């Protein structure tokens, strides 16, 4: 793993309030339950790229950190 990517990811996980181990556990549980990678590895389509630009520019809907963590923990428990 690239050290710079690991450091950036761990900073995000820290802000979210989960450990790298918890994040990997959620990821592996989703792989097992979905029987594959739990997200698309395709290039984003035009609508997705527009949504990403909207969020990056301050438009669009954001989810609170608290709600995101709550959802992540639910996913971890049900997978």
Protein backbone atom coordinates (compact mmCIF):
# COMPACT_ATOMS: atom_id res chain seq x y z
CA UNK A 1 0.00 0.00 0.00
CA UNK A 2 1.27 3.45 -0.84
CA UNK A 3 2.18 5.19 2.45
CA UNK A 4 0.70 8.53 1.31
CA UNK A 5 -2.65 6.92 0.40
CA UNK A 6 -2.70 4.99 3.68
CA UNK A 7 -2.04 8.18 5.65
CA UNK A 8 -4.79 10.11 3.83
CA UNK A 9 -7.29 7.27 4.25
CA UNK A 10 -6.50 6.88 7.94
CA UNK A 11 -7.01 10.62 8.47
CA UNK A 12 -10.47 10.35 6.90
CA UNK A 13 -11.32 7.27 8.95
CA UNK A 14 -10.23 9.08 12.10
CA UNK A 15 -12.55 11.98 11.27
CA UNK A 16 -15.37 9.50 10.68
CA UNK A 17 -14.65 7.81 13.98
CA UNK A 18 -13.76 4.31 12.85
CA UNK A 19 -10.47 2.46 12.90
CA UNK A 20 -8.76 1.09 9.81
CA UNK A 21 -9.56 -2.41 11.11
CA UNK A 22 -13.27 -1.56 11.36
CA UNK A 23 -13.25 -0.10 7.84
CA UNK A 24 -11.55 -3.18 6.42
CA UNK A 25 -13.98 -5.40 8.33
CA UNK A 26 -16.95 -3.52 6.80
CA UNK A 27 -15.36 -3.79 3.36
CA UNK A 28 -14.75 -7.54 3.66
CA UNK A 29 -18.26 -8.16 5.03
CA UNK A 30 -19.71 -6.34 2.05
CA UNK A 31 -17.55 -8.33 -0.36
CA UNK A 32 -18.79 -11.54 1.26
CA UNK A 33 -22.46 -10.53 1.28
CA UNK A 34 -22.41 -8.95 -2.21
CA UNK A 35 -20.20 -11.71 -3.60
CA UNK A 36 -18.06 -9.02 -5.21
CA UNK A 37 -16.67 -5.53 -4.78
CA UNK A 38 -19.44 -3.43 -3.16
CA UNK A 39 -19.00 -0.50 -5.54
CA UNK A 40 -18.55 0.09 -9.21
CA UNK A 41 -15.07 0.09 -10.63
CA UNK A 42 -16.35 1.73 -13.81
CA UNK A 43 -15.58 5.25 -14.88
CA UNK A 44 -18.36 7.48 -13.46
CA UNK A 45 -21.07 8.40 -15.95
CA UNK A 46 -21.96 12.02 -16.75
CA UNK A 47 -24.63 12.22 -14.03
CA UNK A 48 -22.26 10.91 -11.36
CA UNK A 49 -19.48 13.26 -12.46
CA UNK A 50 -21.93 16.18 -12.23
CA UNK A 51 -23.00 15.09 -8.72
CA UNK A 52 -19.36 14.88 -7.65
CA UNK A 53 -18.67 18.37 -9.05
CA UNK A 54 -21.78 19.70 -7.26
CA UNK A 55 -20.61 18.35 -3.92
CA UNK A 56 -17.07 19.59 -4.43
CA UNK A 57 -18.37 23.07 -5.26
CA UNK A 58 -20.64 23.20 -2.20
CA UNK A 59 -23.91 22.36 -3.94
CA UNK A 60 -25.82 19.14 -3.44
CA UNK A 61 -26.77 17.12 -0.39
CA UNK A 62 -24.26 16.01 2.18
CA UNK A 63 -24.77 13.46 4.92
CA UNK A 64 -23.63 14.32 8.42
CA UNK A 65 -20.62 12.48 9.76
CA UNK A 66 -22.73 11.13 12.61
CA UNK A 67 -25.31 9.65 10.21
CA UNK A 68 -22.58 8.18 8.02
CA UNK A 69 -20.91 6.45 10.96
CA UNK A 70 -24.29 5.14 12.13
CA UNK A 71 -24.94 3.64 8.67
CA UNK A 72 -21.45 2.13 8.48
CA UNK A 73 -21.95 0.39 11.82
CA UNK A 74 -25.36 -0.94 10.72
CA UNK A 75 -23.81 -2.34 7.55
CA UNK A 76 -21.02 -3.97 9.56
CA UNK A 77 -23.51 -5.67 11.89
CA UNK A 78 -25.84 -6.98 9.16
CA UNK A 79 -23.24 -8.29 6.74
